Protein backbone atom coordinates (compact mmCIF):
# COMPACT_ATOMS: atom_id res chain seq x y z
CA MET A 1 30.17 -13.48 2.80
CA ASN A 2 27.28 -14.78 0.73
CA THR A 3 27.44 -12.60 -2.40
CA THR A 4 24.35 -14.15 -3.99
CA LEU A 5 22.23 -13.34 -0.96
CA PHE A 6 23.78 -9.87 -0.82
CA PHE A 7 22.86 -9.09 -4.44
CA ILE A 8 19.39 -10.54 -4.03
CA GLY A 9 19.02 -8.22 -1.04
CA VAL A 10 20.20 -5.25 -3.12
CA ALA A 11 17.65 -6.13 -5.84
CA LYS A 12 14.87 -6.43 -3.25
CA LEU A 13 15.90 -3.12 -1.70
CA ALA A 14 15.83 -1.40 -5.11
CA PHE A 15 12.41 -2.93 -5.85
CA GLY A 16 11.07 -1.76 -2.49
CA VAL A 17 12.36 1.78 -2.98
CA LEU A 18 10.91 1.92 -6.50
CA ILE A 19 7.50 0.74 -5.28
CA ALA A 20 7.65 3.21 -2.37
CA ALA A 21 8.38 6.12 -4.71
CA PHE A 22 5.55 5.13 -7.04
CA GLY A 23 3.25 4.52 -4.08
CA VAL A 24 3.91 7.99 -2.66
CA TYR A 25 3.12 9.59 -6.01
CA PHE A 26 -0.02 7.46 -6.48
CA GLY A 27 -1.11 7.93 -2.88
CA LEU A 28 -0.88 11.71 -2.99
CA ARG A 29 -2.83 11.81 -6.25
CA VAL A 30 -5.58 9.68 -4.68
CA VAL A 31 -5.71 11.89 -1.58
CA HIS A 32 -5.94 15.08 -3.64
CA ARG A 33 -8.79 13.68 -5.73
CA LEU A 34 -10.74 12.19 -2.83
CA LEU A 35 -10.42 15.29 -0.67
CA LYS A 36 -10.88 17.60 -3.66
CA ILE A 37 -7.78 19.54 -2.64
CA GLU A 38 -6.81 22.13 -5.21
CA GLY A 39 -3.28 23.41 -4.63
CA ALA A 40 -2.30 20.96 -1.89
CA ASP A 41 1.34 21.96 -2.30
CA ARG A 42 0.35 25.55 -1.68
CA ALA A 43 -1.68 24.50 1.39
CA LEU A 44 1.39 22.74 2.78
CA ALA A 45 3.63 25.71 2.00
CA GLU A 46 1.15 27.93 3.86
CA GLY A 47 1.38 25.67 6.91
CA ASN A 48 -1.94 23.83 6.65
CA VAL A 49 -1.20 21.12 9.21
CA ALA A 50 -4.55 19.43 8.61
CA VAL A 51 -3.79 18.79 4.94
CA GLY A 52 -0.31 17.59 5.91
CA ALA A 53 -1.76 15.20 8.49
CA MET A 54 -4.20 13.86 5.91
CA GLN A 55 -1.49 13.31 3.34
CA ALA A 56 0.73 11.62 5.91
CA SER A 57 -2.03 9.32 7.16
CA CYS A 58 -3.06 8.32 3.65
CA LEU A 59 0.55 7.50 2.79
CA ILE A 60 0.92 5.43 5.97
CA ALA A 61 -2.36 3.63 5.21
CA LEU A 62 -1.30 2.94 1.64
CA GLY A 63 2.12 1.78 2.81
CA LEU A 64 0.52 -0.67 5.23
CA LEU A 65 -1.47 -2.12 2.34
CA VAL A 66 1.25 -2.14 -0.31
CA GLN A 67 3.84 -3.72 1.99
CA PRO A 68 2.17 -7.15 1.62
CA ALA A 69 2.53 -6.80 -2.16
CA VAL A 70 6.25 -6.26 -1.84
CA GLN A 71 6.51 -9.20 0.55
CA ALA A 72 4.38 -11.42 -1.71
CA SER A 73 6.59 -10.52 -4.67
CA PHE A 74 9.66 -11.48 -2.66
CA ASP A 75 7.95 -14.72 -1.63
CA ALA A 76 7.33 -15.46 -5.31
CA VAL A 77 11.03 -15.14 -6.00
CA ASP A 78 12.01 -17.14 -2.94
CA LEU A 79 9.49 -19.94 -3.50
CA LEU A 80 9.46 -20.27 -7.27
CA TYR A 81 13.09 -19.73 -8.14
CA ARG A 82 15.03 -21.17 -5.22
CA GLY A 83 18.15 -22.91 -6.52
CA GLN A 84 17.65 -21.89 -10.15
CA SER A 85 19.96 -19.77 -12.25
CA LEU A 86 18.79 -16.36 -13.40
CA SER A 87 17.08 -16.30 -16.81
CA PRO A 88 15.06 -13.77 -18.85
CA ALA A 89 11.93 -15.94 -18.52
CA MET A 90 12.35 -15.94 -14.74
CA LEU A 91 12.70 -12.14 -14.68
CA GLY A 92 9.60 -11.79 -16.87
CA ARG A 93 7.55 -14.01 -14.57
CA PHE A 94 8.77 -12.13 -11.52
CA ALA A 95 7.86 -8.80 -13.18
CA MET A 96 4.38 -10.17 -13.95
CA TYR A 97 3.81 -11.26 -10.34
CA ALA A 98 5.20 -7.99 -9.00
CA LEU A 99 2.95 -5.90 -11.27
CA LEU A 100 -0.07 -8.00 -10.37
CA HIS A 101 0.65 -7.79 -6.64
CA VAL A 102 1.51 -4.09 -6.55
CA GLY A 103 -1.35 -3.13 -8.88
CA THR A 104 -3.85 -5.09 -6.79
CA SER A 105 -2.50 -3.53 -3.59
CA LEU A 106 -2.68 0.01 -4.94
CA VAL A 107 -6.26 -0.49 -6.11
CA VAL A 108 -7.25 -2.04 -2.78
CA GLY A 109 -5.39 0.75 -0.96
CA ALA A 110 -7.22 3.45 -2.88
CA ALA A 111 -10.52 1.66 -2.19
CA VAL A 112 -9.78 1.39 1.54
CA ILE A 113 -8.91 5.11 1.67
CA ALA A 114 -12.09 5.99 -0.23
CA ILE A 115 -14.23 3.75 1.98
CA GLY A 116 -12.58 5.16 5.11
CA ILE A 117 -13.25 8.73 4.02
CA GLY A 118 -16.82 7.80 3.13
CA ILE A 119 -17.45 6.19 6.51
CA PHE A 120 -15.87 9.12 8.35
CA VAL A 121 -17.93 11.70 6.47
CA ARG A 122 -21.15 9.81 7.23
CA LEU A 123 -20.40 9.57 10.96
CA THR A 124 -21.07 13.27 11.56
CA HIS A 125 -23.84 14.63 9.36
CA GLU A 126 -23.71 18.18 10.67
CA VAL A 127 -20.04 18.85 9.92
CA ASP A 128 -18.33 18.94 6.53
CA GLU A 129 -15.09 17.36 7.73
CA LEU A 130 -13.34 17.59 4.37
CA ALA A 131 -14.06 21.31 4.11
CA GLU A 132 -12.77 21.72 7.65
CA ILE A 133 -9.56 19.90 6.75
CA ARG A 134 -9.11 22.09 3.67
CA LYS A 135 -9.53 25.14 5.96
CA GLY A 136 -6.80 23.84 8.26
CA ASN A 137 -8.82 22.30 11.11
CA VAL A 138 -6.51 19.62 12.52
CA ALA A 139 -9.07 17.80 14.71
CA PRO A 140 -11.03 16.14 11.88
CA ALA A 141 -7.77 15.43 10.04
CA LEU A 142 -6.42 13.49 13.02
CA ALA A 143 -9.68 11.59 13.49
CA LEU A 144 -9.79 10.69 9.80
CA ALA A 145 -6.11 9.72 9.95
CA ALA A 146 -6.89 7.24 12.73
CA VAL A 147 -9.82 5.79 10.76
CA LEU A 148 -7.66 5.24 7.66
CA ILE A 149 -4.74 3.70 9.54
CA VAL A 150 -6.99 1.34 11.54
CA MET A 151 -8.82 0.27 8.38
CA SER A 152 -5.50 -0.42 6.65
CA LEU A 153 -4.14 -2.39 9.59
CA LEU A 154 -7.25 -4.57 9.65
CA ALA A 155 -7.46 -4.99 5.86
CA ALA A 156 -3.77 -5.86 5.36
CA PRO A 157 -3.93 -9.53 6.50
CA GLY A 158 -6.81 -10.25 4.13
CA LEU A 159 -4.98 -8.54 1.29
CA ARG A 160 -1.88 -10.61 2.07
CA SER A 161 -3.91 -13.84 1.83
CA MET A 162 -5.46 -12.64 -1.41
CA LEU A 163 -2.02 -11.88 -2.87
CA ASP A 164 -0.67 -15.26 -1.76
CA GLY A 165 -3.59 -16.80 -3.65
CA LEU A 166 -2.25 -15.25 -6.86
CA LEU A 167 0.97 -17.26 -6.54
CA PRO A 168 1.14 -20.73 -8.09
CA LEU A 169 1.81 -22.39 -4.74
CA PRO A 170 1.98 -26.19 -4.60
CA GLU A 171 -1.21 -28.03 -3.69
CA LEU A 172 -1.24 -29.14 -0.07
CA PRO A 173 -3.02 -32.18 1.34
CA ARG A 174 -6.54 -31.58 2.62
CA ASN A 175 -6.80 -29.83 6.02
CA VAL A 176 -3.25 -28.47 5.85
CA ILE A 177 -2.56 -24.75 5.76
CA GLN A 178 0.96 -23.49 5.21
CA MET A 179 1.89 -19.84 4.68
CA PRO A 180 5.10 -18.82 2.92
CA THR A 181 7.84 -17.55 5.20
C-alpha cells in the first residue's frame, strides 16, 4: 500500500468535495439572480419542475466548467511539488493556485450561464421564456438546460487551456506542445 498516494488522494477528495459544495451554493445564487426567481425553494416545494430543471442544468453546466479548475489545481500539485516534502510555503502556493483556478472558473461559469440565458431569450422574441419557467412550463426549461450544458461542454476545453496558462509550467522548445497529464 502506498500511504503517501492514499493521503494525497484523500486531500484531493476533500478539496473536490469542498469546491463542489461551494460551487452548488454559488451556482444556485447565480441562477436565482439571473432568472429573477423569488422564493425558488418554495417553487421547488410546490413541485415546479421547470425551476428544478433549470437549477439542475445550471449546476451541471457550472460543474462542467469548474471541474477543469479542480484538475488544474491537482496538476499544479503534481507538477510543481513532485518529490518534495510538505512545507507551509508549498501549501500557501497550492492554496493560491487553487483560489485563482476556482475563482476564474466560477466567474467564467457564471458568464457562460448568463450568456446562454441571454442567447436563449433572444432566440424567441414572442415568448418570455423565463416567465414561463417561473410559471412551471417545463418545455423552455429543458431547451434552456440543453443550451447551457452544450455551451459549458464547448467552453470547458478553452477554460482548461486558460487555467493551465496560469501555472508556471517549464518553457518548452519552439513548436512543441505538451499538456499536463
